[in-house]
Amino acid sequence: MNMVLHPTPLTAAAFAAFGDVLEVSGAPDKIINQGLCGRFHDRATIDVGDGRTGISLFQAEPRTFPITLDMMERHPDGSQAFLPMSFHPFLVVVAPDDAGRPGAPQVFITTPGQGVNFHRNIWHGVLTPLHAPGLFAVVDRIGEGPNLQEHWFDTPFTIEGTV
């Protein structure tokens, strides 16, 4: 029997153990470009170890509820940021480490305009857009060596919710 998970709103406080929430909140740190642009400075800890920082574009198929969570992954050598290139919410699944495997998963739903940066070695679900086009900029480590670990659950979870 599958365990059922329900998304909760993504907040910086709820997500702090897993990474950074990337969003425009509060007053800008600085006003630039002749007063026409607010800069919200240094909002994520980008960690690439002995690699280099790369920006890739991902185009993921939108998902619909219920969603099966049967696998989670982590990147032991660097952080990974998901930045939506559309103004739609997406799901973020994370779990604490439990002796080298994911512990109890937590599911968050973003508000339009939010992105996330998973810290190094954090178990997370795959990119899960809820709307087309599912286009994201992904900032992560580019370098030698394996930087991906996957864990497949013996009993999958079911994520239920609405958009």
Protein backbone atom coordinates (compact mmCIF):
# COMPACT_ATOMS: atom_id res chain seq x y z
CA MET A 1 0.00 0.00 0.00
CA ASN A 2 1.35 3.41 -0.98
CA MET A 3 1.86 6.14 1.60
CA VAL A 4 0.04 9.34 0.61
CA LEU A 5 1.82 12.70 0.73
CA HIS A 6 0.22 16.14 0.39
CA PRO A 7 2.10 19.30 -0.70
CA THR A 8 2.45 22.24 1.64
CA PRO A 9 3.38 25.80 0.62
CA LEU A 10 7.10 26.35 0.11
CA THR A 11 8.58 28.75 2.65
CA ALA A 12 12.18 29.61 3.43
CA ALA A 13 11.77 28.46 7.04
CA ALA A 14 10.24 25.07 6.16
CA PHE A 15 12.87 24.44 3.46
CA ALA A 16 15.97 25.70 5.32
CA ALA A 17 17.30 22.23 6.22
CA PHE A 18 17.37 21.28 2.52
CA GLY A 19 18.49 24.43 0.73
CA ASP A 20 17.52 27.94 -0.31
CA VAL A 21 14.19 29.31 -1.52
CA LEU A 22 14.84 31.73 -4.36
CA GLU A 23 12.23 34.47 -4.44
CA VAL A 24 11.75 38.19 -4.40
CA SER A 25 10.62 39.08 -0.91
CA GLY A 26 11.04 42.17 1.20
CA ALA A 27 12.89 45.23 -0.02
CA PRO A 28 15.73 44.85 -2.53
CA ASP A 29 19.26 44.90 -1.18
CA LYS A 30 20.21 47.55 -3.70
CA ILE A 31 18.57 49.66 -6.42
CA ILE A 32 20.53 49.60 -9.70
CA ASN A 33 20.20 50.49 -13.40
CA GLN A 34 19.28 54.16 -12.98
CA GLY A 35 16.78 53.27 -10.24
CA LEU A 36 14.78 50.90 -12.45
CA CYS A 37 15.88 47.55 -10.99
CA GLY A 38 15.96 46.08 -7.51
CA ARG A 39 18.76 43.62 -6.82
CA PHE A 40 18.00 40.85 -4.33
CA HIS A 41 21.61 39.90 -3.74
CA ASP A 42 23.26 36.51 -3.10
CA ARG A 43 20.13 34.44 -2.39
CA ALA A 44 21.66 30.94 -2.75
CA THR A 45 24.73 29.03 -1.68
CA ILE A 46 26.10 27.60 -4.92
CA ASP A 47 28.49 24.77 -4.08
CA VAL A 48 30.37 23.06 -6.91
CA GLY A 49 33.22 21.45 -5.00
CA ASP A 50 36.09 20.84 -7.40
CA GLY A 51 33.93 21.43 -10.49
CA ARG A 52 32.66 24.58 -12.13
CA THR A 53 29.26 26.24 -12.11
CA GLY A 54 27.12 25.48 -15.14
CA ILE A 55 23.72 26.69 -16.31
CA SER A 56 21.66 24.17 -18.26
CA LEU A 57 18.10 24.34 -19.59
CA PHE A 58 15.69 21.50 -18.79
CA GLN A 59 12.31 20.96 -20.43
CA ALA A 60 10.29 18.57 -18.28
CA GLU A 61 6.88 17.08 -18.98
CA PRO A 62 4.16 18.49 -16.71
CA ARG A 63 2.70 16.06 -14.18
CA THR A 64 -0.85 15.66 -12.95
CA PHE A 65 -2.10 14.46 -9.58
CA PRO A 66 -1.88 11.83 -8.27
CA ILE A 67 1.89 11.61 -8.79
CA THR A 68 3.93 8.50 -7.98
CA LEU A 69 7.14 9.11 -6.04
CA ASP A 70 9.23 5.99 -6.57
CA MET A 71 12.73 7.47 -6.73
CA MET A 72 14.77 10.24 -5.18
CA GLU A 73 18.26 11.44 -6.02
CA ARG A 74 21.06 13.50 -4.55
CA HIS A 75 24.27 15.11 -5.76
CA PRO A 76 27.19 14.50 -3.35
CA ASP A 77 29.60 16.89 -5.10
CA GLY A 78 27.49 20.03 -5.50
CA SER A 79 24.30 21.98 -5.08
CA GLN A 80 21.55 22.12 -7.71
CA ALA A 81 19.13 25.01 -8.33
CA PHE A 82 15.82 24.79 -10.22
CA LEU A 83 14.73 28.17 -11.63
CA PRO A 84 11.41 28.14 -13.53
CA MET A 85 11.35 30.08 -16.78
CA SER A 86 7.58 30.48 -16.60
CA PHE A 87 5.30 31.89 -13.95
CA HIS A 88 3.78 28.58 -12.78
CA PRO A 89 4.05 26.59 -9.56
CA PHE A 90 5.93 23.28 -9.42
CA LEU A 91 6.42 20.53 -6.84
CA VAL A 92 9.55 20.20 -4.72
CA VAL A 93 10.15 16.89 -2.94
CA VAL A 94 12.95 16.56 -0.37
CA ALA A 95 13.93 14.13 2.37
CA PRO A 96 16.48 14.08 5.17
CA ASP A 97 19.24 11.50 4.96
CA ASP A 98 18.60 8.32 6.95
CA ALA A 99 21.77 6.19 7.00
CA GLY A 100 22.54 6.80 3.33
CA ARG A 101 18.99 6.65 2.01
CA PRO A 102 16.07 9.10 1.98
CA GLY A 103 14.11 9.47 5.18
CA ALA A 104 10.45 10.59 5.22
CA PRO A 105 9.76 12.69 2.10
CA GLN A 106 8.32 16.18 2.38
CA VAL A 107 6.44 17.76 -0.51
CA PHE A 108 6.22 21.49 -1.15
CA ILE A 109 4.40 23.46 -3.83
CA THR A 110 5.95 26.70 -5.00
CA THR A 111 4.14 29.92 -5.68
CA PRO A 112 4.71 31.47 -9.12
CA GLY A 113 8.13 33.09 -9.19
CA GLN A 114 9.81 30.85 -6.61
CA GLY A 115 12.82 28.65 -7.34
CA VAL A 116 14.90 26.37 -5.13
CA ASN A 117 18.54 25.56 -4.56
CA PHE A 118 19.16 22.12 -3.07
CA HIS A 119 22.29 22.05 -0.93
CA ARG A 120 24.96 19.46 -1.66
CA ASN A 121 23.98 15.85 -0.83
CA ILE A 122 20.26 16.58 -0.20
CA TRP A 123 17.80 13.90 -1.28
CA HIS A 124 15.26 15.39 -3.68
CA GLY A 125 12.68 14.36 -6.23
CA VAL A 126 12.98 14.93 -9.94
CA LEU A 127 11.95 18.17 -11.62
CA THR A 128 8.15 18.17 -11.34
CA PRO A 129 6.36 20.96 -13.22
CA LEU A 130 2.57 21.07 -13.00
CA HIS A 131 2.07 23.18 -16.16
CA ALA A 132 3.55 23.39 -19.65
CA PRO A 133 6.07 24.40 -20.85
CA GLY A 134 8.05 22.91 -17.92
CA LEU A 135 11.10 24.98 -18.86
CA PHE A 136 13.72 25.55 -16.16
CA ALA A 137 17.22 26.94 -15.86
CA VAL A 138 19.27 24.56 -13.72
CA VAL A 139 22.44 25.77 -12.01
CA ASP A 140 24.69 22.96 -10.85
CA ARG A 141 28.14 21.40 -10.79
CA ILE A 142 29.86 20.50 -14.04
CA GLY A 143 32.90 18.30 -13.54
CA GLU A 144 34.50 14.89 -13.45
CA GLY A 145 33.28 11.99 -11.36
CA PRO A 146 29.87 10.63 -10.48
CA ASN A 147 27.67 13.32 -8.96
CA LEU A 148 24.37 11.45 -8.92
CA GLN A 149 23.03 8.88 -6.47
CA GLU A 150 19.54 7.43 -6.89
CA HIS A 151 17.37 5.59 -4.41
CA TRP A 152 14.35 3.57 -5.59
CA PHE A 153 11.68 2.95 -2.96
CA ASP A 154 10.44 -0.61 -2.41
CA THR A 155 6.99 0.86 -1.83
CA PRO A 156 6.30 4.07 -3.77
CA PHE A 157 4.58 7.10 -2.30
CA THR A 158 1.55 8.80 -3.86
CA ILE A 159 1.43 12.59 -3.94
CA GLU A 160 -2.12 13.96 -3.99
CA GLY A 161 -3.12 17.55 -4.40
CA THR A 162 -4.61 20.19 -6.61
CA VAL A 163 -3.13 22.98 -8.66
